[in-house]
C-alpha atoms as a PDB file:
ATOM      1  CA  UNK A   1     -28.382  26.647  42.455  1.00  0.00           C
ATOM      2  CA  UNK A   2     -30.146  23.931  40.465  1.00  0.00           C
ATOM      3  CA  UNK A   3     -31.520  26.463  37.977  1.00  0.00           C
ATOM      4  CA  UNK A   4     -28.048  27.946  37.432  1.00  0.00           C
ATOM      5  CA  UNK A   5     -26.622  24.460  36.753  1.00  0.00           C
ATOM      6  CA  UNK A   6     -29.509  23.764  34.367  1.00  0.00           C
ATOM      7  CA  UNK A   7     -28.905  27.007  32.442  1.00  0.00           C
ATOM      8  CA  UNK A   8     -25.183  26.260  32.183  1.00  0.00           C
ATOM      9  CA  UNK A   9     -25.869  22.747  30.871  1.00  0.00           C
ATOM     10  CA  UNK A  10     -28.373  24.055  28.344  1.00  0.00           C
ATOM     11  CA  UNK A  11     -25.871  26.741  27.306  1.00  0.00           C
ATOM     12  CA  UNK A  12     -23.113  24.137  26.935  1.00  0.00           C
ATOM     13  CA  UNK A  13     -25.254  21.987  24.646  1.00  0.00           C
ATOM     14  CA  UNK A  14     -26.206  24.899  22.365  1.00  0.00           C
ATOM     15  CA  UNK A  15     -22.661  26.323  22.354  1.00  0.00           C
ATOM     16  CA  UNK A  16     -21.204  22.953  21.368  1.00  0.00           C
ATOM     17  CA  UNK A  17     -23.745  22.789  18.530  1.00  0.00           C
ATOM     18  CA  UNK A  18     -22.794  26.247  17.258  1.00  0.00           C
ATOM     19  CA  UNK A  19     -19.082  25.477  17.679  1.00  0.00           C
ATOM     20  CA  UNK A  20     -19.553  22.626  15.198  1.00  0.00           C
ATOM     21  CA  UNK A  21     -20.837  25.115  12.616  1.00  0.00           C
ATOM     22  CA  UNK A  22     -18.036  27.537  13.521  1.00  0.00           C
ATOM     23  CA  UNK A  23     -15.077  25.179  13.239  1.00  0.00           C
ATOM     24  CA  UNK A  24     -16.271  23.598   9.984  1.00  0.00           C
ATOM     25  CA  UNK A  25     -16.982  27.025   8.476  1.00  0.00           C
ATOM     26  CA  UNK A  26     -13.452  28.126   9.379  1.00  0.00           C
ATOM     27  CA  UNK A  27     -11.919  24.948   7.947  1.00  0.00           C
ATOM     28  CA  UNK A  28     -14.010  25.384   4.777  1.00  0.00           C
ATOM     29  CA  UNK A  29     -12.797  28.952   4.230  1.00  0.00           C
ATOM     30  CA  UNK A  30     -16.238  30.482   4.897  1.00  0.00           C
ATOM     31  CA  UNK A  31     -16.115  33.914   6.520  1.00  0.00           C
ATOM     32  CA  UNK A  32     -17.437  33.875  10.085  1.00  0.00           C
ATOM     33  CA  UNK A  33     -18.619  37.271  11.286  1.00  0.00           C
ATOM     34  CA  UNK A  34     -19.298  36.420  14.929  1.00  0.00           C
ATOM     35  CA  UNK A  35     -19.228  33.495  17.329  1.00  0.00           C
ATOM     36  CA  UNK A  36     -21.188  34.104  20.512  1.00  0.00           C
ATOM     37  CA  UNK A  37     -21.489  32.170  23.749  1.00  0.00           C
ATOM     38  CA  UNK A  38     -24.815  33.076  25.315  1.00  0.00           C
ATOM     39  CA  UNK A  39     -27.630  35.286  24.102  1.00  0.00           C
ATOM     40  CA  UNK A  40     -28.854  38.811  24.828  1.00  0.00           C
ATOM     41  CA  UNK A  41     -26.751  41.858  25.769  1.00  0.00           C
ATOM     42  CA  UNK A  42     -22.985  41.603  25.279  1.00  0.00           C
ATOM     43  CA  UNK A  43     -20.779  41.291  28.336  1.00  0.00           C
ATOM     44  CA  UNK A  44     -17.452  40.908  26.542  1.00  0.00           C
ATOM     45  CA  UNK A  45     -16.402  41.150  22.913  1.00  0.00           C
ATOM     46  CA  UNK A  46     -13.036  40.717  21.225  1.00  0.00           C
ATOM     47  CA  UNK A  47     -12.093  40.854  17.559  1.00  0.00           C
ATOM     48  CA  UNK A  48      -9.581  38.298  16.305  1.00  0.00           C
ATOM     49  CA  UNK A  49      -8.949  38.665  12.611  1.00  0.00           C
ATOM     50  CA  UNK A  50     -12.227  38.859  10.726  1.00  0.00           C
ATOM     51  CA  UNK A  51     -14.331  37.272  13.497  1.00  0.00           C
ATOM     52  CA  UNK A  52     -15.874  38.804  16.605  1.00  0.00           C
ATOM     53  CA  UNK A  53     -15.998  36.590  19.707  1.00  0.00           C
ATOM     54  CA  UNK A  54     -18.559  37.595  22.307  1.00  0.00           C
ATOM     55  CA  UNK A  55     -19.840  36.503  25.692  1.00  0.00           C
ATOM     56  CA  UNK A  56     -23.474  37.449  26.326  1.00  0.00           C
ATOM     57  CA  UNK A  57     -25.625  37.782  29.407  1.00  0.00           C
ATOM     58  CA  UNK A  58     -28.061  34.857  29.048  1.00  0.00           C
ATOM     59  CA  UNK A  59     -26.075  31.588  29.353  1.00  0.00           C
ATOM     60  CA  UNK A  60     -28.591  29.325  27.595  1.00  0.00           C
ATOM     61  CA  UNK A  61     -27.681  29.665  23.940  1.00  0.00           C
ATOM     62  CA  UNK A  62     -25.219  30.963  21.398  1.00  0.00           C
ATOM     63  CA  UNK A  63     -24.822  31.469  17.677  1.00  0.00           C
ATOM     64  CA  UNK A  64     -22.400  31.408  14.761  1.00  0.00           C
ATOM     65  CA  UNK A  65     -23.009  34.181  12.231  1.00  0.00           C
ATOM     66  CA  UNK A  66     -21.549  33.571   8.760  1.00  0.00           C
ATOM     67  CA  UNK A  67     -21.241  35.935   5.824  1.00  0.00           C
ATOM     68  CA  UNK A  68     -23.993  35.584   3.219  1.00  0.00           C
ATOM     69  CA  UNK A  69     -26.109  32.925   4.944  1.00  0.00           C
ATOM     70  CA  UNK A  70     -29.355  34.209   3.448  1.00  0.00           C
ATOM     71  CA  UNK A  71     -28.154  35.922   0.279  1.00  0.00           C
ATOM     72  CA  UNK A  72     -25.615  35.466  -2.512  1.00  0.00           C
ATOM     73  CA  UNK A  73     -23.419  38.471  -1.845  1.00  0.00           C
ATOM     74  CA  UNK A  74     -20.337  39.560  -3.741  1.00  0.00           C
ATOM     75  CA  UNK A  75     -17.982  38.210  -1.075  1.00  0.00           C
ATOM     76  CA  UNK A  76     -16.591  34.981  -2.571  1.00  0.00           C
ATOM     77  CA  UNK A  77     -16.152  33.582   0.954  1.00  0.00           C
ATOM     78  CA  UNK A  78     -19.844  33.972   1.791  1.00  0.00           C
ATOM     79  CA  UNK A  79     -21.724  30.853   2.902  1.00  0.00           C
ATOM     80  CA  UNK A  80     -23.917  30.555  -0.198  1.00  0.00           C
ATOM     81  CA  UNK A  81     -20.897  31.026  -2.466  1.00  0.00           C
ATOM     82  CA  UNK A  82     -19.066  28.060  -0.944  1.00  0.00           C
ATOM     83  CA  UNK A  83     -19.091  24.696  -2.692  1.00  0.00           C
ATOM     84  CA  UNK A  84     -22.190  22.626  -2.053  1.00  0.00           C
ATOM     85  CA  UNK A  85     -20.394  19.838  -0.185  1.00  0.00           C
ATOM     86  CA  UNK A  86     -18.763  22.372   2.137  1.00  0.00           C
ATOM     87  CA  UNK A  87     -22.125  23.951   2.951  1.00  0.00           C
ATOM     88  CA  UNK A  88     -23.615  20.536   3.686  1.00  0.00           C
ATOM     89  CA  UNK A  89     -20.754  19.681   6.038  1.00  0.00           C
ATOM     90  CA  UNK A  90     -21.166  23.008   7.871  1.00  0.00           C
ATOM     91  CA  UNK A  91     -24.917  22.433   8.246  1.00  0.00           C
ATOM     92  CA  UNK A  92     -24.611  18.888   9.595  1.00  0.00           C
ATOM     93  CA  UNK A  93     -21.609  19.647  11.842  1.00  0.00           C
ATOM     94  CA  UNK A  94     -23.718  21.190  14.627  1.00  0.00           C
ATOM     95  CA  UNK A  95     -25.686  17.959  15.113  1.00  0.00           C
ATOM     96  CA  UNK A  96     -22.480  15.908  14.859  1.00  0.00           C
ATOM     97  CA  UNK A  97     -20.967  17.912  17.719  1.00  0.00           C
ATOM     98  CA  UNK A  98     -24.125  17.272  19.771  1.00  0.00           C
ATOM     99  CA  UNK A  99     -23.703  13.542  19.146  1.00  0.00           C
ATOM    100  CA  UNK A 100     -20.012  13.702  20.125  1.00  0.00           C
ATOM    101  CA  UNK A 101     -20.886  15.526  23.358  1.00  0.00           C
ATOM    102  CA  UNK A 102     -23.631  12.969  24.016  1.00  0.00           C
ATOM    103  CA  UNK A 103     -21.237  10.071  23.543  1.00  0.00           C
ATOM    104  CA  UNK A 104     -18.660  11.651  25.883  1.00  0.00           C
ATOM    105  CA  UNK A 105     -21.366  12.101  28.538  1.00  0.00           C
ATOM    106  CA  UNK A 106     -22.435   8.473  28.104  1.00  0.00           C
ATOM    107  CA  UNK A 107     -18.843   7.259  28.550  1.00  0.00           C
ATOM    108  CA  UNK A 108     -18.637   9.289  31.773  1.00  0.00           C
ATOM    109  CA  UNK A 109     -21.972   7.817  32.890  1.00  0.00           C
ATOM    110  CA  UNK A 110     -20.927   4.227  32.143  1.00  0.00           C
ATOM    111  CA  UNK A 111     -17.645   4.773  33.999  1.00  0.00           C
ATOM    112  CA  UNK A 112     -19.733   5.625  37.070  1.00  0.00           C
ATOM    113  CA  UNK A 113     -21.305   2.124  37.048  1.00  0.00           C
ATOM    114  CA  UNK A 114     -19.818  -0.358  39.484  1.00  0.00           C
ATOM    115  CA  UNK A 115     -20.278  -3.057  36.837  1.00  0.00           C
ATOM    116  CA  UNK A 116     -21.203  -2.867  33.159  1.00  0.00           C
ATOM    117  CA  UNK A 117     -24.775  -4.086  32.423  1.00  0.00           C
ATOM    118  CA  UNK A 118     -25.611  -6.236  29.409  1.00  0.00           C
ATOM    119  CA  UNK A 119     -28.879  -7.510  27.890  1.00  0.00           C
ATOM    120  CA  UNK A 120     -28.081 -11.175  28.614  1.00  0.00           C
ATOM    121  CA  UNK A 121     -30.215 -13.013  31.170  1.00  0.00           C
ATOM    122  CA  UNK A 122     -28.111 -14.157  34.127  1.00  0.00           C
ATOM    123  CA  UNK A 123     -30.818 -15.419  36.428  1.00  0.00           C
ATOM    124  CA  UNK A 124     -34.568 -15.946  36.690  1.00  0.00           C
ATOM    125  CA  UNK A 125     -36.304 -15.709  40.065  1.00  0.00           C
ATOM    126  CA  UNK A 126     -36.966 -19.057  41.649  1.00  0.00           C
ATOM    127  CA  UNK A 127     -37.039 -20.960  44.948  1.00  0.00           C
ATOM    128  CA  UNK A 128     -33.619 -22.652  45.070  1.00  0.00           C
ATOM    129  CA  UNK A 129     -34.969 -25.445  47.278  1.00  0.00           C
ATOM    130  CA  UNK A 130     -37.880 -26.694  45.205  1.00  0.00           C
ATOM    131  CA  UNK A 131     -36.851 -25.167  41.855  1.00  0.00           C
ATOM    132  CA  UNK A 132     -40.310 -23.647  41.662  1.00  0.00           C
ATOM    133  CA  UNK A 133     -39.953 -20.546  39.538  1.00  0.00           C
ATOM    134  CA  UNK A 134     -41.621 -17.355  40.684  1.00  0.00           C
ATOM    135  CA  UNK A 135     -40.854 -15.798  37.288  1.00  0.00           C
ATOM    136  CA  UNK A 136     -43.661 -15.918  34.739  1.00  0.00           C
ATOM    137  CA  UNK A 137     -41.093 -15.123  32.032  1.00  0.00           C
ATOM    138  CA  UNK A 138     -39.533 -18.546  32.665  1.00  0.00           C
ATOM    139  CA  UNK A 139     -42.897 -20.306  32.346  1.00  0.00           C
ATOM    140  CA  UNK A 140     -43.559 -18.435  29.080  1.00  0.00           C
ATOM    141  CA  UNK A 141     -40.255 -19.247  27.410  1.00  0.00           C
ATOM    142  CA  UNK A 142     -37.351 -17.120  28.686  1.00  0.00           C
ATOM    143  CA  UNK A 143     -34.224 -18.999  29.778  1.00  0.00           C
ATOM    144  CA  UNK A 144     -30.896 -18.411  31.488  1.00  0.00           C
ATOM    145  CA  UNK A 145     -28.298 -17.123  29.022  1.00  0.00           C
ATOM    146  CA  UNK A 146     -30.826 -15.637  26.580  1.00  0.00           C
ATOM    147  CA  UNK A 147     -29.703 -12.296  25.137  1.00  0.00           C
ATOM    148  CA  UNK A 148     -32.684 -10.004  24.485  1.00  0.00           C
ATOM    149  CA  UNK A 149     -32.288  -8.373  21.057  1.00  0.00           C
ATOM    150  CA  UNK A 150     -35.873  -7.398  20.221  1.00  0.00           C
ATOM    151  CA  UNK A 151     -39.071  -6.661  22.131  1.00  0.00           C
ATOM    152  CA  UNK A 152     -42.463  -6.125  20.465  1.00  0.00           C
ATOM    153  CA  UNK A 153     -40.732  -5.331  17.177  1.00  0.00           C
ATOM    154  CA  UNK A 154     -38.384  -2.797  18.790  1.00  0.00           C
ATOM    155  CA  UNK A 155     -34.636  -3.395  18.716  1.00  0.00           C
ATOM    156  CA  UNK A 156     -32.957  -3.729  22.103  1.00  0.00           C
ATOM    157  CA  UNK A 157     -29.416  -2.362  22.310  1.00  0.00           C
ATOM    158  CA  UNK A 158     -28.938  -1.875  26.050  1.00  0.00           C
ATOM    159  CA  UNK A 159     -30.661  -2.027  29.432  1.00  0.00           C
ATOM    160  CA  UNK A 160     -31.952   1.473  28.645  1.00  0.00           C
ATOM    161  CA  UNK A 161     -34.216   0.046  25.918  1.00  0.00           C
ATOM    162  CA  UNK A 162     -35.517  -2.662  28.250  1.00  0.00           C
ATOM    163  CA  UNK A 163     -36.378  -0.095  30.918  1.00  0.00           C
ATOM    164  CA  UNK A 164     -38.026   2.137  28.293  1.00  0.00           C
ATOM    165  CA  UNK A 165     -40.193  -0.698  26.974  1.00  0.00           C
ATOM    166  CA  UNK A 166     -41.378  -1.666  30.460  1.00  0.00           C
ATOM    167  CA  UNK A 167     -42.078   1.976  31.309  1.00  0.00           C
ATOM    168  CA  UNK A 168     -44.003   2.892  28.158  1.00  0.00           C
ATOM    169  CA  UNK A 169     -45.873  -0.274  27.144  1.00  0.00           C
ATOM    170  CA  UNK A 170     -48.947  -1.457  29.032  1.00  0.00           C
ATOM    171  CA  UNK A 171     -49.177  -4.879  27.388  1.00  0.00           C
ATOM    172  CA  UNK A 172     -49.879  -8.013  29.411  1.00  0.00           C
ATOM    173  CA  UNK A 173     -47.471 -10.034  27.270  1.00  0.00           C
ATOM    174  CA  UNK A 174     -44.631  -9.329  24.866  1.00  0.00           C
ATOM    175  CA  UNK A 175     -43.178 -10.884  21.729  1.00  0.00           C
ATOM    176  CA  UNK A 176     -39.455 -11.318  22.339  1.00  0.00           C
ATOM    177  CA  UNK A 177     -36.531 -12.221  20.093  1.00  0.00           C
ATOM    178  CA  UNK A 178     -33.510 -13.606  21.936  1.00  0.00           C
ATOM    179  CA  UNK A 179     -30.134 -14.942  20.920  1.00  0.00           C
ATOM    180  CA  UNK A 180     -29.843 -18.468  22.347  1.00  0.00           C
ATOM    181  CA  UNK A 181     -26.787 -20.633  21.688  1.00  0.00           C
ATOM    182  CA  UNK A 182     -25.793 -18.346  18.820  1.00  0.00           C
ATOM    183  CA  UNK A 183     -29.184 -18.476  17.081  1.00  0.00           C
ATOM    184  CA  UNK A 184     -32.179 -16.140  17.048  1.00  0.00           C
ATOM    185  CA  UNK A 185     -35.234 -17.566  18.816  1.00  0.00           C
ATOM    186  CA  UNK A 186     -38.694 -15.934  18.688  1.00  0.00           C
ATOM    187  CA  UNK A 187     -40.747 -16.159  21.871  1.00  0.00           C
ATOM    188  CA  UNK A 188     -44.440 -15.317  21.672  1.00  0.00           C
ATOM    189  CA  UNK A 189     -46.560 -13.908  24.512  1.00  0.00           C
ATOM    190  CA  UNK A 190     -43.842 -13.702  27.157  1.00  0.00           C
ATOM    191  CA  UNK A 191     -45.220 -12.496  30.492  1.00  0.00           C
ATOM    192  CA  UNK A 192     -42.954 -10.658  32.915  1.00  0.00           C
ATOM    193  CA  UNK A 193     -44.155 -10.978  36.498  1.00  0.00           C
ATOM    194  CA  UNK A 194     -42.632 -12.036  39.798  1.00  0.00           C
ATOM    195  CA  UNK A 195     -45.358 -14.107  41.483  1.00  0.00           C
ATOM    196  CA  UNK A 196     -43.583 -13.765  44.812  1.00  0.00           C
ATOM    197  CA  UNK A 197     -43.215  -9.970  45.001  1.00  0.00           C
ATOM    198  CA  UNK A 198     -45.590  -8.764  42.288  1.00  0.00           C
ATOM    199  CA  UNK A 199     -42.826  -6.868  40.465  1.00  0.00           C
ATOM    200  CA  UNK A 200     -42.743  -6.745  36.658  1.00  0.00           C
ATOM    201  CA  UNK A 201     -39.042  -7.465  36.293  1.00  0.00           C
ATOM    202  CA  UNK A 202     -38.531 -11.127  37.173  1.00  0.00           C
ATOM    203  CA  UNK A 203     -35.047 -11.704  35.780  1.00  0.00           C
ATOM    204  CA  UNK A 204     -31.464 -10.562  36.259  1.00  0.00           C
ATOM    205  CA  UNK A 205     -28.899  -9.430  33.714  1.00  0.00           C
ATOM    206  CA  UNK A 206     -25.265 -10.353  33.318  1.00  0.00           C
ATOM    207  CA  UNK A 207     -22.661  -7.705  34.051  1.00  0.00           C
ATOM    208  CA  UNK A 208     -19.139  -7.257  32.745  1.00  0.00           C
ATOM    209  CA  UNK A 209     -16.054  -6.002  34.539  1.00  0.00           C
ATOM    210  CA  UNK A 210     -15.339  -2.312  34.160  1.00  0.00           C
ATOM    211  CA  UNK A 211     -12.428  -2.461  31.746  1.00  0.00           C
ATOM    212  CA  UNK A 212     -11.886  -0.185  28.698  1.00  0.00           C
ATOM    213  CA  UNK A 213     -13.385  -2.494  26.049  1.00  0.00           C
ATOM    214  CA  UNK A 214     -16.666  -3.311  27.887  1.00  0.00           C
ATOM    215  CA  UNK A 215     -17.021   0.395  28.815  1.00  0.00           C
ATOM    216  CA  UNK A 216     -16.631   1.396  25.164  1.00  0.00           C
ATOM    217  CA  UNK A 217     -19.011  -1.328  23.938  1.00  0.00           C
ATOM    218  CA  UNK A 218     -21.642  -0.429  26.552  1.00  0.00           C
ATOM    219  CA  UNK A 219     -21.271   3.287  25.739  1.00  0.00           C
ATOM    220  CA  UNK A 220     -21.884   2.589  22.046  1.00  0.00           C
ATOM    221  CA  UNK A 221     -24.954   0.485  22.929  1.00  0.00           C
ATOM    222  CA  UNK A 222     -26.355   3.172  25.260  1.00  0.00           C
ATOM    223  CA  UNK A 223     -25.750   5.829  22.580  1.00  0.00           C
ATOM    224  CA  UNK A 224     -27.736   3.747  20.102  1.00  0.00           C
ATOM    225  CA  UNK A 225     -30.456   3.276  22.722  1.00  0.00           C
ATOM    226  CA  UNK A 226     -30.767   6.987  23.456  1.00  0.00           C
ATOM    227  CA  UNK A 227     -30.874   7.849  19.750  1.00  0.00           C
ATOM    228  CA  UNK A 228     -33.438   5.100  19.218  1.00  0.00           C
ATOM    229  CA  UNK A 229     -35.605   6.278  22.113  1.00  0.00           C
ATOM    230  CA  UNK A 230     -35.509   9.897  20.885  1.00  0.00           C
ATOM    231  CA  UNK A 231     -36.546   8.705  17.421  1.00  0.00           C
ATOM    232  CA  UNK A 232     -39.401   6.619  18.832  1.00  0.00           C
ATOM    233  CA  UNK A 233     -40.564   9.518  21.003  1.00  0.00           C
ATOM    234  CA  UNK A 234     -40.670  11.848  17.984  1.00  0.00           C
ATOM    235  CA  UNK A 235     -42.627   9.237  16.042  1.00  0.00           C
ATOM    236  CA  UNK A 236     -45.099   8.847  18.918  1.00  0.00           C
ATOM    237  CA  UNK A 237     -45.476  12.631  19.105  1.00  0.00           C
ATOM    238  CA  UNK A 238     -46.220  12.897  15.365  1.00  0.00           C
ATOM    239  CA  UNK A 239     -48.693   9.994  15.445  1.00  0.00           C
ATOM    240  CA  UNK A 240     -50.456  11.382  18.521  1.00  0.00           C
ATOM    241  CA  UNK A 241     -49.452   8.562  20.867  1.00  0.00           C
ATOM    242  CA  UNK A 242     -47.773  11.123  23.137  1.00  0.00           C
ATOM    243  CA  UNK A 243     -49.898  13.871  24.634  1.00  0.00           C
ATOM    244  CA  UNK A 244     -48.906  17.510  24.138  1.00  0.00           C
ATOM    245  CA  UNK A 245     -48.823  17.733  27.942  1.00  0.00           C
ATOM    246  CA  UNK A 246     -45.819  15.390  27.911  1.00  0.00           C
ATOM    247  CA  UNK A 247     -43.791  17.744  25.682  1.00  0.00           C
ATOM    248  CA  UNK A 248     -41.340  20.132  27.358  1.00  0.00           C
ATOM    249  CA  UNK A 249     -39.605  23.252  26.099  1.00  0.00           C
ATOM    250  CA  UNK A 250     -36.553  25.070  27.509  1.00  0.00           C
ATOM    251  CA  UNK A 251     -38.392  26.070  30.718  1.00  0.00           C
ATOM    252  CA  UNK A 252     -39.554  22.496  31.285  1.00  0.00           C
ATOM    253  CA  UNK A 253     -36.074  21.133  30.615  1.00  0.00           C
ATOM    254  CA  UNK A 254     -34.444  23.621  32.993  1.00  0.00           C
ATOM    255  CA  UNK A 255     -37.051  22.789  35.656  1.00  0.00           C
ATOM    256  CA  UNK A 256     -36.465  19.047  35.199  1.00  0.00           C
ATOM    257  CA  UNK A 257     -32.688  19.429  35.521  1.00  0.00           C
ATOM    258  CA  UNK A 258     -33.098  21.663  38.565  1.00  0.00           C
ATOM    259  CA  UNK A 259     -35.440  19.183  40.286  1.00  0.00           C
ATOM    260  CA  UNK A 260     -33.141  16.276  39.427  1.00  0.00           C
ATOM    261  CA  UNK A 261     -30.242  18.099  41.085  1.00  0.00           C
ATOM    262  CA  UNK A 262     -32.136  19.109  44.227  1.00  0.00           C
ATOM    263  CA  UNK A 263     -33.865  15.745  44.783  1.00  0.00           C
ATOM    264  CA  UNK A 264     -30.764  13.543  44.438  1.00  0.00           C
ATOM    265  CA  UNK A 265     -29.938  11.594  47.603  1.00  0.00           C
ATOM    266  CA  UNK A 266     -26.198  12.163  47.240  1.00  0.00           C
ATOM    267  CA  UNK A 267     -23.725  14.267  45.264  1.00  0.00           C
ATOM    268  CA  UNK A 268     -22.800  11.192  43.236  1.00  0.00           C
ATOM    269  CA  UNK A 269     -26.429  10.582  42.290  1.00  0.00           C
ATOM    270  CA  UNK A 270     -26.839  14.246  41.323  1.00  0.00           C
ATOM    271  CA  UNK A 271     -23.785  14.135  39.053  1.00  0.00           C
ATOM    272  CA  UNK A 272     -24.934  10.860  37.472  1.00  0.00           C
ATOM    273  CA  UNK A 273     -28.422  12.224  36.789  1.00  0.00           C
ATOM    274  CA  UNK A 274     -27.042  15.455  35.321  1.00  0.00           C
ATOM    275  CA  UNK A 275     -24.677  13.547  33.035  1.00  0.00           C
ATOM    276  CA  UNK A 276     -27.545  11.298  31.923  1.00  0.00           C
ATOM    277  CA  UNK A 277     -29.888  14.223  31.205  1.00  0.00           C
ATOM    278  CA  UNK A 278     -27.134  16.155  29.389  1.00  0.00           C
ATOM    279  CA  UNK A 279     -26.496  13.162  27.116  1.00  0.00           C
ATOM    280  CA  UNK A 280     -30.198  12.659  26.411  1.00  0.00           C
ATOM    281  CA  UNK A 281     -30.889  16.354  25.712  1.00  0.00           C
ATOM    282  CA  UNK A 282     -27.870  16.898  23.447  1.00  0.00           C
ATOM    283  CA  UNK A 283     -28.675  13.784  21.388  1.00  0.00           C
ATOM    284  CA  UNK A 284     -32.294  14.948  21.220  1.00  0.00           C
ATOM    285  CA  UNK A 285     -31.188  18.380  19.979  1.00  0.00           C
ATOM    286  CA  UNK A 286     -28.888  16.836  17.363  1.00  0.00           C
ATOM    287  CA  UNK A 287     -31.624  14.615  15.944  1.00  0.00           C
ATOM    288  CA  UNK A 288     -34.269  17.359  16.055  1.00  0.00           C
ATOM    289  CA  UNK A 289     -32.009  19.791  14.177  1.00  0.00           C
ATOM    290  CA  UNK A 290     -31.598  17.295  11.339  1.00  0.00           C
ATOM    291  CA  UNK A 291     -35.349  16.984  10.784  1.00  0.00           C
ATOM    292  CA  UNK A 292     -36.420  18.386   7.375  1.00  0.00           C
ATOM    293  CA  UNK A 293     -38.192  21.367   8.933  1.00  0.00           C
ATOM    294  CA  UNK A 294     -37.673  24.821   7.365  1.00  0.00           C
ATOM    295  CA  UNK A 295     -35.543  27.025   9.573  1.00  0.00           C
ATOM    296  CA  UNK A 296     -33.595  24.106  11.047  1.00  0.00           C
ATOM    297  CA  UNK A 297     -30.322  22.673   9.743  1.00  0.00           C
ATOM    298  CA  UNK A 298     -32.268  19.746   8.291  1.00  0.00           C
ATOM    299  CA  UNK A 299     -34.509  22.139   6.365  1.00  0.00           C
ATOM    300  CA  UNK A 300     -31.466  23.884   4.902  1.00  0.00           C
ATOM    301  CA  UNK A 301     -30.011  20.505   3.952  1.00  0.00           C
ATOM    302  CA  UNK A 302     -33.170  19.774   1.961  1.00  0.00           C
ATOM    303  CA  UNK A 303     -32.463  22.830  -0.194  1.00  0.00           C
ATOM    304  CA  UNK A 304     -28.890  21.585  -0.650  1.00  0.00           C
ATOM    305  CA  UNK A 305     -30.241  18.259  -1.941  1.00  0.00           C
ATOM    306  CA  UNK A 306     -32.624  20.150  -4.248  1.00  0.00           C
ATOM    307  CA  UNK A 307     -29.641  22.095  -5.568  1.00  0.00           C
ATOM    308  CA  UNK A 308     -27.744  18.845  -6.041  1.00  0.00           C
ATOM    309  CA  UNK A 309     -30.593  17.432  -8.163  1.00  0.00           C
ATOM    310  CA  UNK A 310     -31.390  20.632 -10.093  1.00  0.00           C
ATOM    311  CA  UNK A 311     -27.721  21.518 -10.624  1.00  0.00           C
ATOM    312  CA  UNK A 312     -28.524  25.075  -9.547  1.00  0.00           C
ATOM    313  CA  UNK A 313     -29.529  26.658  -6.220  1.00  0.00           C
ATOM    314  CA  UNK A 314     -32.979  27.861  -5.278  1.00  0.00           C
ATOM    315  CA  UNK A 315     -33.176  31.654  -5.293  1.00  0.00           C
ATOM    316  CA  UNK A 316     -32.068  32.982  -1.880  1.00  0.00           C
ATOM    317  CA  UNK A 317     -35.219  35.055  -1.430  1.00  0.00           C
ATOM    318  CA  UNK A 318     -37.461  32.043  -2.134  1.00  0.00           C
ATOM    319  CA  UNK A 319     -35.543  29.842   0.275  1.00  0.00           C
ATOM    320  CA  UNK A 320     -35.620  32.673   2.804  1.00  0.00           C
ATOM    321  CA  UNK A 321     -39.414  32.855   2.659  1.00  0.00           C
ATOM    322  CA  UNK A 322     -39.678  29.125   3.361  1.00  0.00           C
ATOM    323  CA  UNK A 323     -37.286  29.290   6.311  1.00  0.00           C
ATOM    324  CA  UNK A 324     -39.064  32.373   7.646  1.00  0.00           C
ATOM    325  CA  UNK A 325     -42.382  30.517   7.570  1.00  0.00           C
ATOM    326  CA  UNK A 326     -40.766  27.531   9.278  1.00  0.00           C
ATOM    327  CA  UNK A 327     -39.250  29.696  11.997  1.00  0.00           C
ATOM    328  CA  UNK A 328     -42.604  31.404  12.559  1.00  0.00           C
ATOM    329  CA  UNK A 329     -44.236  27.984  12.968  1.00  0.00           C
ATOM    330  CA  UNK A 330     -41.498  26.789  15.336  1.00  0.00           C
ATOM    331  CA  UNK A 331     -41.774  30.020  17.310  1.00  0.00           C
ATOM    332  CA  UNK A 332     -45.522  29.486  17.656  1.00  0.00           C
ATOM    333  CA  UNK A 333     -44.999  25.907  18.832  1.00  0.00           C
ATOM    334  CA  UNK A 334     -42.354  27.124  21.295  1.00  0.00           C
ATOM    335  CA  UNK A 335     -44.832  29.643  22.748  1.00  0.00           C
ATOM    336  CA  UNK A 336     -47.435  26.910  23.244  1.00  0.00           C
ATOM    337  CA  UNK A 337     -44.878  24.555  24.826  1.00  0.00           C
ATOM    338  CA  UNK A 338     -43.620  27.346  27.099  1.00  0.00           C
ATOM    339  CA  UNK A 339     -47.172  28.084  28.240  1.00  0.00           C
ATOM    340  CA  UNK A 340     -47.605  24.356  28.901  1.00  0.00           C
ATOM    341  CA  UNK A 341     -44.370  24.327  30.946  1.00  0.00           C
ATOM    342  CA  UNK A 342     -45.530  27.291  33.036  1.00  0.00           C
ATOM    343  CA  UNK A 343     -48.911  25.643  33.680  1.00  0.00           C
ATOM    344  CA  UNK A 344     -47.090  22.482  34.828  1.00  0.00           C
ATOM    345  CA  UNK A 345     -44.909  24.491  37.204  1.00  0.00           C
ATOM    346  CA  UNK A 346     -47.869  26.241  38.848  1.00  0.00           C
ATOM    347  CA  UNK A 347     -50.007  23.097  38.919  1.00  0.00           C
ATOM    348  CA  UNK A 348     -47.284  21.263  40.855  1.00  0.00           C
END
């Protein structure tokens, strides 16, 4: 059951991405040949006007096929014959739809909170009788009412960023920037440690009532956090700070979603975890697709910018060779990641 849910979620994310291309192509007057939900053999197909709509067997993908994507054909409504700004909008629209889906999922997730978390310190662990603080963060500079806005040079937008920093950094102390009484205050070498329990987190955070405005504000902050974390993860991957063993492909993602569903203690927890993972994956996909890698939407956008500068397009066959090489490289990486996912499955 968990695998089926995972496949449906993955299919939803890809279909939403392709729907962005589809709707913007239609609005731009570009001829769409086929819009498919799913991949592989066709289960259903219906022609409406000039476009075929199909449902395919494998529910973890989809595509939007436009006239003249890889060649300047005679059809004036072909993709490459459309105005440059229209092509750029069509290319970026898939990622935009991923971001919209991610934000909707985050709003749903935040609405499931009993109270809305902030990044403002509401309490620091101490013995109320003697006022002896167990919290090392208090002894090293943190105070009640401080709003954490930066940690070790990394911007903090929500509690998600705080959790990420504690989970991924192994430093004994941290350089913190807080907002105190309306002003930014830099705190050097802040140590987080509860001397009583031994836990790292030795402070509490203020919460807000679950009303529309705080929900919207928190959702925006969490969206920025997720986008920020995805960006940092990609940077760490490129710089070698993240091991290749920590990278997952479609099989790894489906396995993770399936395990998250089956291991949840309650139905509510399962739904929350699925919403969280859906938001994180769709934002990840949106950002990854905008990277300037040949074969991806970002790679195609690079050629649009080249055309904008040169005042004339690159020859379709030359651009096609570049994208073909990029797709071959991505396909090779996908094979390696898939092998890594399979090894992880059998090793566990």
